Amino acid sequence: MQRGSRSTQDLGARLRLRRESMGLTQGDVAARAGVTRQLVSRIEHGHPRAEIGGVIAVVRALDAEVVLADAPEAPTPDLDSFFGR
């Protein structure tokens, strides 16, 4: 599986797969994280306004971690050749 998530839907899907691979229900994760089952569901469905503290608690409850990484840089276009210089 690739590392990193580019959208809330991707993150939610990855967390759901992790939960299921651990044999946990949304209720189990909620109890471990100290959040509601509804919040776990919202996160798994990629809700864009899920509270960051709740997201981090769910990630930790799944024995995972949040890692901040730089996005790969897009190549700089060669404007001279583009304009025929």
PDB file of N, CA and C in Angstrom:
ATOM      1  N   MET A   1       0.850  -1.181   0.000  1.00  0.00           N
ATOM      2  CA  MET A   1       0.000   0.000   0.000  1.00  0.00           C
ATOM      3  C   MET A   1       0.889   1.235   0.000  1.00  0.00           C
ATOM      4  N   GLN A   2       0.508   2.212  -0.777  1.00  0.00           N
ATOM      5  CA  GLN A   2       1.296   3.437  -0.831  1.00  0.00           C
ATOM      6  C   GLN A   2       1.244   4.169   0.496  1.00  0.00           C
ATOM      7  N   ARG A   3       2.262   4.962   0.740  1.00  0.00           N
ATOM      8  CA  ARG A   3       2.287   5.770   1.950  1.00  0.00           C
ATOM      9  C   ARG A   3       1.700   7.129   1.614  1.00  0.00           C
ATOM     10  N   GLY A   4       0.966   7.686   2.551  1.00  0.00           N
ATOM     11  CA  GLY A   4       0.436   9.025   2.366  1.00  0.00           C
ATOM     12  C   GLY A   4      -0.975   9.027   1.821  1.00  0.00           C
ATOM     13  N   SER A   5      -1.698  10.040   2.220  1.00  0.00           N
ATOM     14  CA  SER A   5      -3.069  10.226   1.768  1.00  0.00           C
ATOM     15  C   SER A   5      -3.190  11.619   1.199  1.00  0.00           C
ATOM     16  N   ARG A   6      -3.848  11.735   0.077  1.00  0.00           N
ATOM     17  CA  ARG A   6      -3.987  13.017  -0.600  1.00  0.00           C
ATOM     18  C   ARG A   6      -5.368  13.628  -0.435  1.00  0.00           C
ATOM     19  N   SER A   7      -6.297  12.915   0.190  1.00  0.00           N
ATOM     20  CA  SER A   7      -7.636  13.458   0.381  1.00  0.00           C
ATOM     21  C   SER A   7      -8.234  12.886   1.661  1.00  0.00           C
ATOM     22  N   THR A   8      -9.290  13.523   2.137  1.00  0.00           N
ATOM     23  CA  THR A   8      -9.957  13.007   3.329  1.00  0.00           C
ATOM     24  C   THR A   8     -10.587  11.647   3.039  1.00  0.00           C
ATOM     25  N   GLN A   9     -11.040  11.435   1.808  1.00  0.00           N
ATOM     26  CA  GLN A   9     -11.622  10.144   1.444  1.00  0.00           C
ATOM     27  C   GLN A   9     -10.556   9.049   1.469  1.00  0.00           C
ATOM     28  N   ASP A  10      -9.371   9.369   0.964  1.00  0.00           N
ATOM     29  CA  ASP A  10      -8.269   8.403   0.963  1.00  0.00           C
ATOM     30  C   ASP A  10      -7.852   8.064   2.389  1.00  0.00           C
ATOM     31  N   LEU A  11      -7.717   9.075   3.222  1.00  0.00           N
ATOM     32  CA  LEU A  11      -7.344   8.846   4.615  1.00  0.00           C
ATOM     33  C   LEU A  11      -8.396   7.989   5.303  1.00  0.00           C
ATOM     34  N   GLY A  12      -9.655   8.323   5.108  1.00  0.00           N
ATOM     35  CA  GLY A  12     -10.737   7.555   5.731  1.00  0.00           C
ATOM     36  C   GLY A  12     -10.737   6.104   5.297  1.00  0.00           C
ATOM     37  N   ALA A  13     -10.523   5.871   4.012  1.00  0.00           N
ATOM     38  CA  ALA A  13     -10.497   4.500   3.491  1.00  0.00           C
ATOM     39  C   ALA A  13      -9.324   3.722   4.086  1.00  0.00           C
ATOM     40  N   ARG A  14      -8.192   4.371   4.206  1.00  0.00           N
ATOM     41  CA  ARG A  14      -7.012   3.708   4.779  1.00  0.00           C
ATOM     42  C   ARG A  14      -7.234   3.373   6.255  1.00  0.00           C
ATOM     43  N   LEU A  15      -7.872   4.292   6.986  1.00  0.00           N
ATOM     44  CA  LEU A  15      -8.156   4.019   8.400  1.00  0.00           C
ATOM     45  C   LEU A  15      -9.169   2.888   8.538  1.00  0.00           C
ATOM     46  N   ARG A  16     -10.182   2.860   7.673  1.00  0.00           N
ATOM     47  CA  ARG A  16     -11.181   1.779   7.724  1.00  0.00           C
ATOM     48  C   ARG A  16     -10.503   0.428   7.459  1.00  0.00           C
ATOM     49  N   LEU A  17      -9.640   0.381   6.437  1.00  0.00           N
ATOM     50  CA  LEU A  17      -8.935  -0.875   6.143  1.00  0.00           C
ATOM     51  C   LEU A  17      -8.072  -1.314   7.332  1.00  0.00           C
ATOM     52  N   ARG A  18      -7.422  -0.362   7.948  1.00  0.00           N
ATOM     53  CA  ARG A  18      -6.589  -0.674   9.124  1.00  0.00           C
ATOM     54  C   ARG A  18      -7.458  -1.231  10.253  1.00  0.00           C
ATOM     55  N   ARG A  19      -8.594  -0.566  10.519  1.00  0.00           N
ATOM     56  CA  ARG A  19      -9.505  -1.020  11.576  1.00  0.00           C
ATOM     57  C   ARG A  19      -9.978  -2.444  11.297  1.00  0.00           C
ATOM     58  N   GLU A  20     -10.410  -2.671  10.064  1.00  0.00           N
ATOM     59  CA  GLU A  20     -10.923  -3.993   9.705  1.00  0.00           C
ATOM     60  C   GLU A  20      -9.839  -5.056   9.799  1.00  0.00           C
ATOM     61  N   SER A  21      -8.604  -4.720   9.411  1.00  0.00           N
ATOM     62  CA  SER A  21      -7.517  -5.698   9.485  1.00  0.00           C
ATOM     63  C   SER A  21      -7.177  -6.041  10.937  1.00  0.00           C
ATOM     64  N   MET A  22      -7.496  -5.119  11.852  1.00  0.00           N
ATOM     65  CA  MET A  22      -7.266  -5.360  13.277  1.00  0.00           C
ATOM     66  C   MET A  22      -8.449  -6.076  13.928  1.00  0.00           C
ATOM     67  N   GLY A  23      -9.518  -6.294  13.156  1.00  0.00           N
ATOM     68  CA  GLY A  23     -10.696  -6.976  13.684  1.00  0.00           C
ATOM     69  C   GLY A  23     -11.514  -6.126  14.643  1.00  0.00           C
ATOM     70  N   LEU A  24     -11.460  -4.802  14.464  1.00  0.00           N
ATOM     71  CA  LEU A  24     -12.165  -3.886  15.363  1.00  0.00           C
ATOM     72  C   LEU A  24     -13.418  -3.331  14.695  1.00  0.00           C
ATOM     73  N   THR A  25     -14.407  -3.021  15.520  1.00  0.00           N
ATOM     74  CA  THR A  25     -15.590  -2.313  15.042  1.00  0.00           C
ATOM     75  C   THR A  25     -15.357  -0.815  15.198  1.00  0.00           C
ATOM     76  N   GLN A  26     -16.219  -0.024  14.585  1.00  0.00           N
ATOM     77  CA  GLN A  26     -16.126   1.431  14.782  1.00  0.00           C
ATOM     78  C   GLN A  26     -16.313   1.766  16.255  1.00  0.00           C
ATOM     79  N   GLY A  27     -17.179   1.030  16.936  1.00  0.00           N
ATOM     80  CA  GLY A  27     -17.386   1.246  18.373  1.00  0.00           C
ATOM     81  C   GLY A  27     -16.137   0.956  19.184  1.00  0.00           C
ATOM     82  N   ASP A  28     -15.420  -0.104  18.814  1.00  0.00           N
ATOM     83  CA  ASP A  28     -14.164  -0.435  19.502  1.00  0.00           C
ATOM     84  C   ASP A  28     -13.167   0.706  19.370  1.00  0.00           C
ATOM     85  N   VAL A  29     -13.024   1.209  18.143  1.00  0.00           N
ATOM     86  CA  VAL A  29     -12.072   2.298  17.893  1.00  0.00           C
ATOM     87  C   VAL A  29     -12.503   3.546  18.650  1.00  0.00           C
ATOM     88  N   ALA A  30     -13.787   3.834  18.629  1.00  0.00           N
ATOM     89  CA  ALA A  30     -14.296   5.016  19.340  1.00  0.00           C
ATOM     90  C   ALA A  30     -13.974   4.927  20.828  1.00  0.00           C
ATOM     91  N   ALA A  31     -14.176   3.756  21.410  1.00  0.00           N
ATOM     92  CA  ALA A  31     -13.894   3.583  22.841  1.00  0.00           C
ATOM     93  C   ALA A  31     -12.404   3.761  23.124  1.00  0.00           C
ATOM     94  N   ARG A  32     -11.562   3.203  22.274  1.00  0.00           N
ATOM     95  CA  ARG A  32     -10.105   3.355  22.448  1.00  0.00           C
ATOM     96  C   ARG A  32      -9.672   4.804  22.308  1.00  0.00           C
ATOM     97  N   ALA A  33     -10.329   5.528  21.386  1.00  0.00           N
ATOM     98  CA  ALA A  33      -9.923   6.908  21.075  1.00  0.00           C
ATOM     99  C   ALA A  33     -10.598   7.941  21.966  1.00  0.00           C
ATOM    100  N   GLY A  34     -11.643   7.544  22.665  1.00  0.00           N
ATOM    101  CA  GLY A  34     -12.366   8.511  23.493  1.00  0.00           C
ATOM    102  C   GLY A  34     -13.219   9.463  22.668  1.00  0.00           C
ATOM    103  N   VAL A  35     -13.727   8.958  21.533  1.00  0.00           N
ATOM    104  CA  VAL A  35     -14.602   9.755  20.663  1.00  0.00           C
ATOM    105  C   VAL A  35     -15.878   8.964  20.416  1.00  0.00           C
ATOM    106  N   THR A  36     -16.804   9.551  19.684  1.00  0.00           N
ATOM    107  CA  THR A  36     -18.047   8.850  19.386  1.00  0.00           C
ATOM    108  C   THR A  36     -17.878   7.938  18.169  1.00  0.00           C
ATOM    109  N   ARG A  37     -18.730   6.917  18.091  1.00  0.00           N
ATOM    110  CA  ARG A  37     -18.723   6.043  16.928  1.00  0.00           C
ATOM    111  C   ARG A  37     -19.094   6.829  15.685  1.00  0.00           C
ATOM    112  N   GLN A  38     -19.958   7.836  15.854  1.00  0.00           N
ATOM    113  CA  GLN A  38     -20.356   8.673  14.722  1.00  0.00           C
ATOM    114  C   GLN A  38     -19.148   9.418  14.140  1.00  0.00           C
ATOM    115  N   LEU A  39     -18.249   9.883  15.002  1.00  0.00           N
ATOM    116  CA  LEU A  39     -17.053  10.570  14.504  1.00  0.00           C
ATOM    117  C   LEU A  39     -16.167   9.599  13.730  1.00  0.00           C
ATOM    118  N   VAL A  40     -16.007   8.395  14.244  1.00  0.00           N
ATOM    119  CA  VAL A  40     -15.211   7.389  13.523  1.00  0.00           C
ATOM    120  C   VAL A  40     -15.827   7.159  12.144  1.00  0.00           C
ATOM    121  N   SER A  41     -17.138   7.039  12.083  1.00  0.00           N
ATOM    122  CA  SER A  41     -17.825   6.848  10.800  1.00  0.00           C
ATOM    123  C   SER A  41     -17.583   8.030   9.865  1.00  0.00           C
ATOM    124  N   ARG A  42     -17.697   9.241  10.387  1.00  0.00           N
ATOM    125  CA  ARG A  42     -17.474  10.434   9.564  1.00  0.00           C
ATOM    126  C   ARG A  42     -16.055  10.463   9.010  1.00  0.00           C
ATOM    127  N   ILE A  43     -15.083  10.115   9.833  1.00  0.00           N
ATOM    128  CA  ILE A  43     -13.688  10.094   9.397  1.00  0.00           C
ATOM    129  C   ILE A  43     -13.513   9.048   8.297  1.00  0.00           C
ATOM    130  N   GLU A  44     -14.052   7.851   8.515  1.00  0.00           N
ATOM    131  CA  GLU A  44     -13.915   6.777   7.530  1.00  0.00           C
ATOM    132  C   GLU A  44     -14.596   7.122   6.203  1.00  0.00           C
ATOM    133  N   HIS A  45     -15.627   7.938   6.265  1.00  0.00           N
ATOM    134  CA  HIS A  45     -16.321   8.349   5.037  1.00  0.00           C
ATOM    135  C   HIS A  45     -15.710   9.595   4.411  1.00  0.00           C
ATOM    136  N   GLY A  46     -14.614  10.090   4.987  1.00  0.00           N
ATOM    137  CA  GLY A  46     -13.885  11.204   4.389  1.00  0.00           C
ATOM    138  C   GLY A  46     -14.516  12.561   4.608  1.00  0.00           C
ATOM    139  N   HIS A  47     -15.273  12.713   5.696  1.00  0.00           N
ATOM    140  CA  HIS A  47     -15.888  14.007   5.978  1.00  0.00           C
ATOM    141  C   HIS A  47     -14.805  15.069   6.092  1.00  0.00           C
ATOM    142  N   PRO A  48     -14.882  16.129   5.288  1.00  0.00           N
ATOM    143  CA  PRO A  48     -13.791  17.112   5.248  1.00  0.00           C
ATOM    144  C   PRO A  48     -13.688  18.006   6.482  1.00  0.00           C
ATOM    145  N   ARG A  49     -14.676  17.982   7.340  1.00  0.00           N
ATOM    146  CA  ARG A  49     -14.632  18.877   8.507  1.00  0.00           C
ATOM    147  C   ARG A  49     -14.551  18.123   9.833  1.00  0.00           C
ATOM    148  N   ALA A  50     -14.030  16.906   9.790  1.00  0.00           N
ATOM    149  CA  ALA A  50     -13.855  16.155  11.025  1.00  0.00           C
ATOM    150  C   ALA A  50     -12.803  16.860  11.882  1.00  0.00           C
ATOM    151  N   GLU A  51     -13.059  16.940  13.166  1.00  0.00           N
ATOM    152  CA  GLU A  51     -12.158  17.629  14.093  1.00  0.00           C
ATOM    153  C   GLU A  51     -10.786  16.963  14.101  1.00  0.00           C
ATOM    154  N   ILE A  52      -9.745  17.759  13.937  1.00  0.00           N
ATOM    155  CA  ILE A  52      -8.382  17.218  13.821  1.00  0.00           C
ATOM    156  C   ILE A  52      -7.976  16.429  15.063  1.00  0.00           C
ATOM    157  N   GLY A  53      -8.378  16.889  16.234  1.00  0.00           N
ATOM    158  CA  GLY A  53      -8.051  16.151  17.459  1.00  0.00           C
ATOM    159  C   GLY A  53      -8.678  14.773  17.463  1.00  0.00           C
ATOM    160  N   GLY A  54      -9.896  14.681  16.952  1.00  0.00           N
ATOM    161  CA  GLY A  54     -10.573  13.389  16.851  1.00  0.00           C
ATOM    162  C   GLY A  54      -9.903  12.483  15.835  1.00  0.00           C
ATOM    163  N   VAL A  55      -9.479  13.057  14.724  1.00  0.00           N
ATOM    164  CA  VAL A  55      -8.779  12.276  13.698  1.00  0.00           C
ATOM    165  C   VAL A  55      -7.488  11.706  14.280  1.00  0.00           C
ATOM    166  N   ILE A  56      -6.723  12.526  14.975  1.00  0.00           N
ATOM    167  CA  ILE A  56      -5.472  12.066  15.564  1.00  0.00           C
ATOM    168  C   ILE A  56      -5.728  10.993  16.616  1.00  0.00           C
ATOM    169  N   ALA A  57      -6.771  11.156  17.420  1.00  0.00           N
ATOM    170  CA  ALA A  57      -7.108  10.147  18.428  1.00  0.00           C
ATOM    171  C   ALA A  57      -7.455   8.813  17.767  1.00  0.00           C
ATOM    172  N   VAL A  58      -8.183   8.851  16.664  1.00  0.00           N
ATOM    173  CA  VAL A  58      -8.540   7.627  15.945  1.00  0.00           C
ATOM    174  C   VAL A  58      -7.288   6.987  15.349  1.00  0.00           C
ATOM    175  N   VAL A  59      -6.427   7.794  14.763  1.00  0.00           N
ATOM    176  CA  VAL A  59      -5.176   7.268  14.200  1.00  0.00           C
ATOM    177  C   VAL A  59      -4.381   6.565  15.293  1.00  0.00           C
ATOM    178  N   ARG A  60      -4.249   7.181  16.438  1.00  0.00           N
ATOM    179  CA  ARG A  60      -3.489   6.580  17.543  1.00  0.00           C
ATOM    180  C   ARG A  60      -4.165   5.315  18.062  1.00  0.00           C
ATOM    181  N   ALA A  61      -5.505   5.317  18.106  1.00  0.00           N
ATOM    182  CA  ALA A  61      -6.239   4.138  18.564  1.00  0.00           C
ATOM    183  C   ALA A  61      -6.008   2.946  17.645  1.00  0.00           C
ATOM    184  N   LEU A  62      -5.632   3.232  16.410  1.00  0.00           N
ATOM    185  CA  LEU A  62      -5.343   2.180  15.444  1.00  0.00           C
ATOM    186  C   LEU A  62      -3.841   1.869  15.369  1.00  0.00           C
ATOM    187  N   ASP A  63      -3.115   2.301  16.392  1.00  0.00           N
ATOM    188  CA  ASP A  63      -1.669   2.079  16.462  1.00  0.00           C
ATOM    189  C   ASP A  63      -0.957   2.552  15.198  1.00  0.00           C
ATOM    190  N   ALA A  64      -1.377   3.704  14.709  1.00  0.00           N
ATOM    191  CA  ALA A  64      -0.764   4.312  13.533  1.00  0.00           C
ATOM    192  C   ALA A  64      -0.266   5.690  13.942  1.00  0.00           C
ATOM    193  N   GLU A  65       0.279   6.425  12.996  1.00  0.00           N
ATOM    194  CA  GLU A  65       0.751   7.768  13.304  1.00  0.00           C
ATOM    195  C   GLU A  65       0.504   8.697  12.123  1.00  0.00           C
ATOM    196  N   VAL A  66       0.463   9.972  12.429  1.00  0.00           N
ATOM    197  CA  VAL A  66       0.326  11.002  11.409  1.00  0.00           C
ATOM    198  C   VAL A  66       1.732  11.497  11.103  1.00  0.00           C
ATOM    199  N   VAL A  67       2.096  11.491   9.825  1.00  0.00           N
ATOM    200  CA  VAL A  67       3.417  11.932   9.404  1.00  0.00           C
ATOM    201  C   VAL A  67       3.232  13.038   8.375  1.00  0.00           C
ATOM    202  N   LEU A  68       3.903  14.144   8.586  1.00  0.00           N
ATOM    203  CA  LEU A  68       3.855  15.249   7.640  1.00  0.00           C
ATOM    204  C   LEU A  68       5.041  15.118   6.704  1.00  0.00           C
ATOM    205  N   ALA A  69       4.761  15.059   5.416  1.00  0.00           N
ATOM    206  CA  ALA A  69       5.822  14.916   4.421  1.00  0.00           C
ATOM    207  C   ALA A  69       5.601  15.943   3.323  1.00  0.00           C
ATOM    208  N   ASP A  70       6.694  16.414   2.768  1.00  0.00           N
ATOM    209  CA  ASP A  70       6.593  17.349   1.655  1.00  0.00           C
ATOM    210  C   ASP A  70       6.016  16.633   0.448  1.00  0.00           C
ATOM    211  N   ALA A  71       5.141  17.317  -0.250  1.00  0.00           N
ATOM    212  CA  ALA A  71       4.603  16.774  -1.492  1.00  0.00           C
ATOM    213  C   ALA A  71       5.686  16.853  -2.555  1.00  0.00           C
ATOM    214  N   PRO A  72       5.711  15.898  -3.471  1.00  0.00           N
ATOM    215  CA  PRO A  72       6.715  15.979  -4.525  1.00  0.00           C
ATOM    216  C   PRO A  72       6.520  17.236  -5.350  1.00  0.00           C
ATOM    217  N   GLU A  73       7.616  17.869  -5.677  1.00  0.00           N
ATOM    218  CA  GLU A  73       7.537  19.107  -6.452  1.00  0.00           C
ATOM    219  C   GLU A  73       7.254  18.799  -7.912  1.00  0.00           C
ATOM    220  N   ALA A  74       6.439  19.658  -8.502  1.00  0.00           N
ATOM    221  CA  ALA A  74       6.176  19.540  -9.935  1.00  0.00           C
ATOM    222  C   ALA A  74       7.401  20.068 -10.669  1.00  0.00           C
ATOM    223  N   PRO A  75       7.715  19.483 -11.810  1.00  0.00           N
ATOM    224  CA  PRO A  75       8.870  19.984 -12.556  1.00  0.00           C
ATOM    225  C   PRO A  75       8.635  21.419 -13.009  1.00  0.00           C
ATOM    226  N   THR A  76       9.691  22.205 -12.982  1.00  0.00           N
ATOM    227  CA  THR A  76       9.607  23.592 -13.433  1.00  0.00           C
ATOM    228  C   THR A  76       9.566  23.605 -14.954  1.00  0.00           C
ATOM    229  N   PRO A  77       8.549  24.242 -15.535  1.00  0.00           N
ATOM    230  CA  PRO A  77       8.454  24.255 -16.995  1.00  0.00           C
ATOM    231  C   PRO A  77       9.579  25.077 -17.606  1.00  0.00           C
ATOM    232  N   ASP A  78      10.034  24.654 -18.760  1.00  0.00           N
ATOM    233  CA  ASP A  78      11.064  25.380 -19.503  1.00  0.00           C
ATOM    234  C   ASP A  78      10.345  26.405 -20.379  1.00  0.00           C
ATOM    235  N   LEU A  79      10.186  27.607 -19.866  1.00  0.00           N
ATOM    236  CA  LEU A  79       9.423  28.644 -20.576  1.00  0.00           C
ATOM    237  C   LEU A  79      10.136  29.124 -21.828  1.00  0.00           C
ATOM    238  N   ASP A  80      11.469  29.087 -21.845  1.00  0.00           N
ATOM    239  CA  ASP A  80      12.194  29.500 -23.048  1.00  0.00           C
ATOM    240  C   ASP A  80      11.836  28.622 -24.239  1.00  0.00           C
ATOM    241  N   SER A  81      11.834  27.294 -24.017  1.00  0.00           N
ATOM    242  CA  SER A  81      11.504  26.421 -25.140  1.00  0.00           C
ATOM    243  C   SER A  81      10.006  26.502 -25.455  1.00  0.00           C
ATOM    244  N   PHE A  82       9.189  26.758 -24.451  1.00  0.00           N
ATOM    245  CA  PHE A  82       7.754  26.887 -24.668  1.00  0.00           C
ATOM    246  C   PHE A  82       7.466  28.070 -25.601  1.00  0.00           C
ATOM    247  N   PHE A  83       8.179  29.163 -25.387  1.00  0.00           N
ATOM    248  CA  PHE A  83       7.968  30.372 -26.204  1.00  0.00           C
ATOM    249  C   PHE A  83       8.907  30.425 -27.414  1.00  0.00           C
ATOM    250  N   GLY A  84       9.636  29.345 -27.668  1.00  0.00           N
ATOM    251  CA  GLY A  84      10.489  29.259 -28.837  1.00  0.00           C
ATOM    252  C   GLY A  84      11.696  30.162 -28.802  1.00  0.00           C
ATOM    253  N   ARG A  85      12.235  30.380 -27.617  1.00  0.00           N
ATOM    254  CA  ARG A  85      13.419  31.252 -27.493  1.00  0.00           C
ATOM    255  C   ARG A  85      14.680  30.467 -27.618  1.00  0.00           C
TER     256      ARG A  85
END
